[in-house]
N, C-alpha and C. Protein backbone atom coordinates (compact mmCIF):
# COMPACT_ATOMS: atom_id res chain seq x y z
N MET A 1 -29.90 -23.38 77.62
CA MET A 1 -28.67 -22.69 77.90
C MET A 1 -28.11 -22.12 76.64
N SER A 2 -27.80 -20.83 76.65
CA SER A 2 -27.29 -20.19 75.42
C SER A 2 -25.82 -20.42 75.28
N GLU A 3 -25.37 -20.44 74.00
CA GLU A 3 -23.95 -20.60 73.69
C GLU A 3 -23.20 -19.32 74.07
N LYS A 4 -21.97 -19.55 74.56
CA LYS A 4 -21.18 -18.39 74.97
C LYS A 4 -20.77 -17.57 73.77
N LYS A 5 -20.84 -16.25 73.89
CA LYS A 5 -20.54 -15.33 72.83
C LYS A 5 -19.09 -14.85 72.95
N TYR A 6 -18.31 -15.11 71.89
CA TYR A 6 -16.91 -14.72 71.83
C TYR A 6 -16.71 -13.52 70.83
N ARG A 7 -15.72 -12.70 71.11
CA ARG A 7 -15.39 -11.65 70.20
C ARG A 7 -13.88 -11.69 69.92
N LYS A 8 -13.47 -11.37 68.69
CA LYS A 8 -12.07 -11.38 68.31
C LYS A 8 -11.46 -10.00 68.70
N VAL A 9 -10.22 -10.07 69.18
CA VAL A 9 -9.48 -8.86 69.52
C VAL A 9 -8.16 -8.80 68.79
N ARG A 10 -7.70 -7.59 68.54
CA ARG A 10 -6.31 -7.39 68.05
C ARG A 10 -5.52 -6.76 69.18
N ILE A 11 -4.33 -7.37 69.46
CA ILE A 11 -3.46 -6.92 70.53
C ILE A 11 -2.19 -6.43 69.89
N SER A 12 -1.89 -5.15 70.05
CA SER A 12 -0.73 -4.49 69.45
C SER A 12 0.31 -4.20 70.50
N ALA A 13 1.51 -4.04 70.05
CA ALA A 13 2.65 -3.69 70.96
C ALA A 13 2.44 -2.29 71.47
N GLY A 14 2.72 -2.09 72.76
CA GLY A 14 2.66 -0.77 73.38
C GLY A 14 3.95 0.02 73.09
N PRO A 15 4.10 1.19 73.77
CA PRO A 15 5.29 1.98 73.59
C PRO A 15 6.54 1.16 73.95
N LYS A 16 7.49 1.24 73.08
CA LYS A 16 8.78 0.47 73.23
C LYS A 16 8.58 -1.06 73.24
N GLY A 17 7.33 -1.50 72.92
CA GLY A 17 7.06 -2.95 72.85
C GLY A 17 7.56 -3.50 71.54
N TRP A 18 7.39 -4.76 71.37
CA TRP A 18 7.84 -5.51 70.18
C TRP A 18 6.81 -6.53 69.75
N GLY A 19 6.80 -6.88 68.53
CA GLY A 19 5.99 -7.99 67.98
C GLY A 19 4.56 -7.63 67.67
N GLY A 20 3.84 -8.67 67.31
CA GLY A 20 2.43 -8.54 66.99
C GLY A 20 2.20 -7.73 65.75
N PRO A 21 1.01 -7.31 65.53
CA PRO A 21 -0.14 -7.50 66.41
C PRO A 21 -0.63 -8.94 66.32
N LEU A 22 -1.28 -9.36 67.42
CA LEU A 22 -1.89 -10.69 67.48
C LEU A 22 -3.36 -10.57 67.37
N GLU A 23 -4.03 -11.45 66.67
CA GLU A 23 -5.51 -11.54 66.64
C GLU A 23 -5.83 -12.76 67.49
N ILE A 24 -6.68 -12.55 68.49
CA ILE A 24 -7.08 -13.60 69.42
C ILE A 24 -8.55 -13.83 69.32
N GLU A 25 -8.92 -15.11 69.02
CA GLU A 25 -10.33 -15.44 68.97
C GLU A 25 -10.54 -16.69 69.84
N CYS A 26 -11.28 -16.56 70.90
CA CYS A 26 -11.58 -17.71 71.75
C CYS A 26 -12.61 -18.60 71.08
N LYS A 27 -12.61 -19.88 71.42
CA LYS A 27 -13.65 -20.76 70.99
C LYS A 27 -13.80 -21.84 72.06
N PRO A 28 -14.91 -22.56 72.01
CA PRO A 28 -15.14 -23.59 73.08
C PRO A 28 -13.94 -24.56 73.15
N GLY A 29 -13.41 -24.76 74.35
CA GLY A 29 -12.29 -25.67 74.56
C GLY A 29 -10.96 -24.97 74.40
N LYS A 30 -10.91 -23.73 73.89
CA LYS A 30 -9.72 -22.95 73.79
C LYS A 30 -10.08 -21.45 74.10
N ASP A 31 -10.47 -21.25 75.32
CA ASP A 31 -10.90 -19.89 75.71
C ASP A 31 -10.24 -19.38 76.98
N LEU A 32 -9.14 -19.96 77.37
CA LEU A 32 -8.46 -19.53 78.59
C LEU A 32 -7.59 -18.29 78.32
N ILE A 33 -7.83 -17.26 79.13
CA ILE A 33 -6.91 -16.08 79.14
C ILE A 33 -5.98 -16.36 80.28
N TYR A 34 -4.84 -16.95 80.00
CA TYR A 34 -3.93 -17.56 80.96
C TYR A 34 -3.01 -16.46 81.56
N SER A 35 -3.23 -16.17 82.82
CA SER A 35 -2.44 -15.11 83.47
C SER A 35 -1.30 -15.77 84.27
N VAL A 36 -0.11 -15.48 83.88
CA VAL A 36 1.07 -16.04 84.49
C VAL A 36 1.95 -14.91 85.02
N THR A 37 1.39 -14.20 85.96
CA THR A 37 2.06 -12.97 86.45
C THR A 37 2.28 -13.03 87.99
N GLY A 38 1.94 -14.08 88.61
CA GLY A 38 2.28 -14.24 90.02
C GLY A 38 1.39 -13.56 91.05
N GLY A 39 0.42 -12.80 90.59
CA GLY A 39 -0.41 -12.09 91.56
C GLY A 39 -1.92 -12.27 91.23
N GLY A 40 -2.36 -13.47 90.95
CA GLY A 40 -3.75 -13.67 90.57
C GLY A 40 -3.92 -13.33 89.13
N ILE A 41 -5.17 -12.89 88.80
CA ILE A 41 -5.45 -12.50 87.42
C ILE A 41 -4.97 -11.06 87.25
N HIS A 42 -4.02 -10.89 86.32
CA HIS A 42 -3.48 -9.55 86.01
C HIS A 42 -4.60 -8.72 85.41
N PRO A 43 -4.66 -7.41 85.69
CA PRO A 43 -5.70 -6.54 85.08
C PRO A 43 -5.73 -6.62 83.56
N LEU A 44 -4.63 -6.74 82.91
CA LEU A 44 -4.64 -6.84 81.44
C LEU A 44 -5.29 -8.17 81.00
N ALA A 45 -5.00 -9.27 81.73
CA ALA A 45 -5.66 -10.54 81.42
C ALA A 45 -7.15 -10.45 81.58
N GLN A 46 -7.60 -9.77 82.68
CA GLN A 46 -8.99 -9.61 82.92
C GLN A 46 -9.66 -8.73 81.79
N HIS A 47 -8.94 -7.72 81.37
CA HIS A 47 -9.44 -6.83 80.29
C HIS A 47 -9.64 -7.63 78.98
N ILE A 48 -8.62 -8.44 78.67
CA ILE A 48 -8.72 -9.30 77.44
C ILE A 48 -9.90 -10.30 77.59
N ALA A 49 -10.05 -10.89 78.73
CA ALA A 49 -11.18 -11.83 78.99
C ALA A 49 -12.48 -11.09 78.80
N ASP A 50 -12.62 -9.85 79.38
CA ASP A 50 -13.83 -9.08 79.28
C ASP A 50 -14.21 -8.80 77.83
N LEU A 51 -13.17 -8.47 77.04
CA LEU A 51 -13.45 -8.10 75.61
C LEU A 51 -13.71 -9.35 74.77
N THR A 52 -13.05 -10.44 75.04
CA THR A 52 -13.18 -11.63 74.17
C THR A 52 -14.32 -12.57 74.57
N GLY A 53 -14.70 -12.49 75.89
CA GLY A 53 -15.66 -13.50 76.37
C GLY A 53 -14.95 -14.73 76.88
N GLY A 54 -13.59 -14.67 76.87
CA GLY A 54 -12.81 -15.81 77.37
C GLY A 54 -12.84 -15.89 78.88
N THR A 55 -12.20 -16.96 79.37
CA THR A 55 -12.24 -17.28 80.83
C THR A 55 -10.86 -16.91 81.41
N PRO A 56 -10.80 -15.95 82.35
CA PRO A 56 -9.52 -15.63 83.01
C PRO A 56 -9.08 -16.82 83.83
N PHE A 57 -7.77 -17.12 83.80
CA PHE A 57 -7.29 -18.31 84.46
C PHE A 57 -5.91 -17.98 85.09
N ASP A 58 -5.76 -18.27 86.37
CA ASP A 58 -4.48 -18.02 87.08
C ASP A 58 -3.54 -19.19 86.82
N GLY A 59 -2.52 -19.00 85.98
CA GLY A 59 -1.62 -20.05 85.61
C GLY A 59 -0.63 -20.42 86.71
N PHE A 60 -0.55 -19.64 87.75
CA PHE A 60 0.33 -19.98 88.87
C PHE A 60 -0.37 -20.82 89.89
N LYS A 61 -1.71 -20.67 90.05
CA LYS A 61 -2.46 -21.44 91.01
C LYS A 61 -2.80 -22.85 90.54
N SER A 62 -3.03 -22.97 89.21
CA SER A 62 -3.31 -24.26 88.64
C SER A 62 -2.86 -24.26 87.18
N LYS A 63 -2.91 -25.50 86.61
CA LYS A 63 -2.37 -25.65 85.24
C LYS A 63 -3.49 -26.06 84.30
N ALA A 64 -3.31 -25.70 83.03
CA ALA A 64 -4.22 -26.16 81.97
C ALA A 64 -3.31 -26.58 80.79
N GLY A 65 -3.92 -27.36 79.87
CA GLY A 65 -3.14 -27.81 78.73
C GLY A 65 -2.90 -26.63 77.77
N PHE A 66 -1.75 -26.63 77.07
CA PHE A 66 -1.47 -25.56 76.14
C PHE A 66 -2.59 -25.38 75.10
N GLU A 67 -3.23 -26.51 74.72
CA GLU A 67 -4.27 -26.45 73.70
C GLU A 67 -5.51 -25.75 74.13
N GLU A 68 -5.68 -25.51 75.48
CA GLU A 68 -6.83 -24.82 76.04
C GLU A 68 -6.63 -23.28 76.11
N ILE A 69 -5.39 -22.82 75.93
CA ILE A 69 -5.04 -21.43 76.13
C ILE A 69 -5.23 -20.62 74.86
N ALA A 70 -6.11 -19.60 74.94
CA ALA A 70 -6.30 -18.69 73.81
C ALA A 70 -5.15 -17.75 73.72
N VAL A 71 -4.71 -17.21 74.91
CA VAL A 71 -3.60 -16.29 74.97
C VAL A 71 -3.04 -16.33 76.40
N ALA A 72 -1.66 -16.25 76.47
CA ALA A 72 -1.00 -16.19 77.77
C ALA A 72 -0.53 -14.76 78.01
N VAL A 73 -0.85 -14.24 79.20
CA VAL A 73 -0.43 -12.90 79.62
C VAL A 73 0.69 -13.13 80.69
N ILE A 74 1.87 -12.57 80.35
CA ILE A 74 3.01 -12.84 81.22
C ILE A 74 3.64 -11.48 81.68
N ASP A 75 4.54 -11.57 82.64
CA ASP A 75 5.26 -10.35 83.10
C ASP A 75 6.74 -10.78 83.24
N CYS A 76 7.34 -11.08 82.10
CA CYS A 76 8.72 -11.60 82.11
C CYS A 76 9.61 -10.58 81.45
N GLY A 77 10.71 -10.28 82.15
CA GLY A 77 11.69 -9.32 81.58
C GLY A 77 12.63 -9.92 80.56
N GLY A 78 12.54 -11.21 80.31
CA GLY A 78 13.38 -11.70 79.19
C GLY A 78 14.14 -12.98 79.46
N THR A 79 13.69 -13.86 80.37
CA THR A 79 14.41 -15.13 80.57
C THR A 79 13.57 -16.32 80.22
N ALA A 80 12.83 -16.88 81.16
CA ALA A 80 12.21 -18.19 80.92
C ALA A 80 10.80 -18.03 80.28
N ARG A 81 9.84 -17.54 81.08
CA ARG A 81 8.41 -17.50 80.59
C ARG A 81 8.25 -16.83 79.25
N VAL A 82 9.13 -15.86 78.98
CA VAL A 82 9.08 -15.14 77.72
C VAL A 82 9.11 -16.06 76.50
N GLY A 83 9.76 -17.22 76.64
CA GLY A 83 9.87 -18.12 75.48
C GLY A 83 9.04 -19.36 75.59
N VAL A 84 8.64 -19.78 76.79
CA VAL A 84 7.93 -21.03 77.00
C VAL A 84 6.64 -21.12 76.16
N TYR A 85 5.84 -20.09 76.25
CA TYR A 85 4.53 -20.13 75.53
C TYR A 85 4.69 -19.95 74.02
N PRO A 86 5.53 -19.06 73.53
CA PRO A 86 5.75 -18.98 72.13
C PRO A 86 6.31 -20.33 71.56
N MET A 87 7.17 -21.01 72.35
CA MET A 87 7.74 -22.29 71.88
C MET A 87 6.59 -23.30 71.67
N LYS A 88 5.54 -23.22 72.46
CA LYS A 88 4.33 -24.09 72.33
C LYS A 88 3.30 -23.51 71.35
N LYS A 89 3.68 -22.42 70.67
CA LYS A 89 2.81 -21.77 69.72
C LYS A 89 1.54 -21.15 70.32
N VAL A 90 1.69 -20.80 71.62
CA VAL A 90 0.59 -20.11 72.34
C VAL A 90 0.82 -18.59 72.19
N PRO A 91 -0.17 -17.88 71.66
CA PRO A 91 -0.01 -16.45 71.53
C PRO A 91 0.30 -15.88 72.94
N THR A 92 1.31 -15.02 73.01
CA THR A 92 1.86 -14.56 74.26
C THR A 92 1.88 -13.03 74.30
N VAL A 93 1.36 -12.47 75.39
CA VAL A 93 1.32 -11.03 75.62
C VAL A 93 2.18 -10.72 76.89
N ASP A 94 3.23 -9.95 76.70
CA ASP A 94 4.10 -9.57 77.83
C ASP A 94 3.77 -8.10 78.23
N ILE A 95 3.48 -7.89 79.50
CA ILE A 95 3.20 -6.56 79.96
C ILE A 95 4.47 -5.66 79.93
N TYR A 96 5.62 -6.31 79.91
CA TYR A 96 6.88 -5.58 79.83
C TYR A 96 7.31 -5.44 78.34
N PRO A 97 7.97 -4.30 78.05
CA PRO A 97 8.38 -4.07 76.65
C PRO A 97 9.66 -4.86 76.28
N THR A 98 9.57 -6.18 76.28
CA THR A 98 10.74 -6.99 76.00
C THR A 98 10.77 -7.31 74.49
N SER A 99 11.91 -7.71 74.05
CA SER A 99 12.13 -8.23 72.68
C SER A 99 12.76 -9.62 72.85
N PRO A 100 12.90 -10.37 71.72
CA PRO A 100 13.40 -11.70 71.85
C PRO A 100 14.72 -11.77 72.63
N ALA A 101 14.78 -12.57 73.70
CA ALA A 101 15.95 -12.72 74.50
C ALA A 101 15.81 -14.02 75.28
N GLY A 102 16.87 -14.40 76.01
CA GLY A 102 16.93 -15.55 76.84
C GLY A 102 17.16 -16.86 76.04
N PRO A 103 17.14 -17.93 76.76
CA PRO A 103 17.56 -19.21 76.13
C PRO A 103 16.54 -19.68 75.08
N LEU A 104 15.32 -19.18 75.08
CA LEU A 104 14.27 -19.62 74.11
C LEU A 104 14.01 -18.54 73.11
N PHE A 105 14.94 -17.57 72.92
CA PHE A 105 14.67 -16.42 72.04
C PHE A 105 14.27 -16.83 70.62
N ARG A 106 14.79 -17.96 70.14
CA ARG A 106 14.52 -18.33 68.78
C ARG A 106 13.05 -18.65 68.51
N PHE A 107 12.26 -18.90 69.61
CA PHE A 107 10.85 -19.21 69.42
C PHE A 107 10.00 -17.94 69.49
N ILE A 108 10.58 -16.80 69.87
CA ILE A 108 9.80 -15.59 70.08
C ILE A 108 9.71 -14.83 68.74
N LYS A 109 8.62 -15.07 68.07
CA LYS A 109 8.38 -14.46 66.70
C LYS A 109 7.21 -13.49 66.81
N ALA A 110 7.21 -12.53 65.92
CA ALA A 110 6.17 -11.46 65.95
C ALA A 110 4.77 -12.00 65.70
N ASP A 111 4.62 -13.22 65.11
CA ASP A 111 3.28 -13.75 64.86
C ASP A 111 2.74 -14.46 66.07
N VAL A 112 3.48 -14.60 67.17
CA VAL A 112 3.03 -15.30 68.37
C VAL A 112 3.33 -14.55 69.62
N PHE A 113 3.96 -13.41 69.53
CA PHE A 113 4.42 -12.66 70.74
C PHE A 113 4.27 -11.17 70.52
N VAL A 114 3.79 -10.49 71.57
CA VAL A 114 3.72 -9.06 71.55
C VAL A 114 4.01 -8.54 72.98
N SER A 115 4.70 -7.41 73.08
CA SER A 115 5.12 -6.93 74.38
C SER A 115 4.80 -5.45 74.62
N GLY A 116 4.99 -5.07 75.87
CA GLY A 116 4.72 -3.67 76.24
C GLY A 116 3.22 -3.32 76.18
N VAL A 117 2.34 -4.34 76.27
CA VAL A 117 0.93 -4.22 76.04
C VAL A 117 0.21 -3.58 77.29
N ARG A 118 -0.64 -2.61 76.96
CA ARG A 118 -1.50 -2.01 77.99
C ARG A 118 -2.96 -2.24 77.56
N ASN A 119 -3.90 -1.95 78.44
CA ASN A 119 -5.31 -2.11 78.08
C ASN A 119 -5.67 -1.45 76.77
N GLU A 120 -5.15 -0.24 76.56
CA GLU A 120 -5.50 0.50 75.37
C GLU A 120 -4.93 -0.05 74.11
N ASP A 121 -4.08 -1.04 74.17
CA ASP A 121 -3.48 -1.70 73.01
C ASP A 121 -4.33 -2.93 72.58
N VAL A 122 -5.45 -3.14 73.24
CA VAL A 122 -6.33 -4.26 72.90
C VAL A 122 -7.62 -3.70 72.33
N GLU A 123 -8.02 -4.12 71.11
CA GLU A 123 -9.22 -3.60 70.52
C GLU A 123 -10.05 -4.77 69.94
N VAL A 124 -11.34 -4.59 70.05
CA VAL A 124 -12.30 -5.62 69.47
C VAL A 124 -12.34 -5.35 67.99
N ILE A 125 -12.22 -6.44 67.21
CA ILE A 125 -12.37 -6.38 65.74
C ILE A 125 -13.44 -7.32 65.25
N ASP A 126 -13.94 -7.12 64.07
CA ASP A 126 -14.92 -8.05 63.51
C ASP A 126 -14.41 -8.77 62.31
């Protein structure tokens, strides 16, 4: 059985977005592309999984430990989810162009959060 091949990506803020860029590198035991968007695997989460070799994971249907998540893809306009993953130091990608807000705003830092992200804002790097 061959070892899974992972690639590193850079995720930058999209138009009117905030934060980042984030560099995401999956590794064994920490390769979940955690989609928390309420409609299965979001297309952006699937795109990141395709580029990184990570495993797309529906965070609404089941749960995984924060330590297993390479990146969380969310669709939060600025209240709860927007801060939960940054608070746990999980790199977080918001499809909406939000900036730090809500009760957990103090945890939303540019080194762990990026928003307004579209497929074209994700690039493979070496």
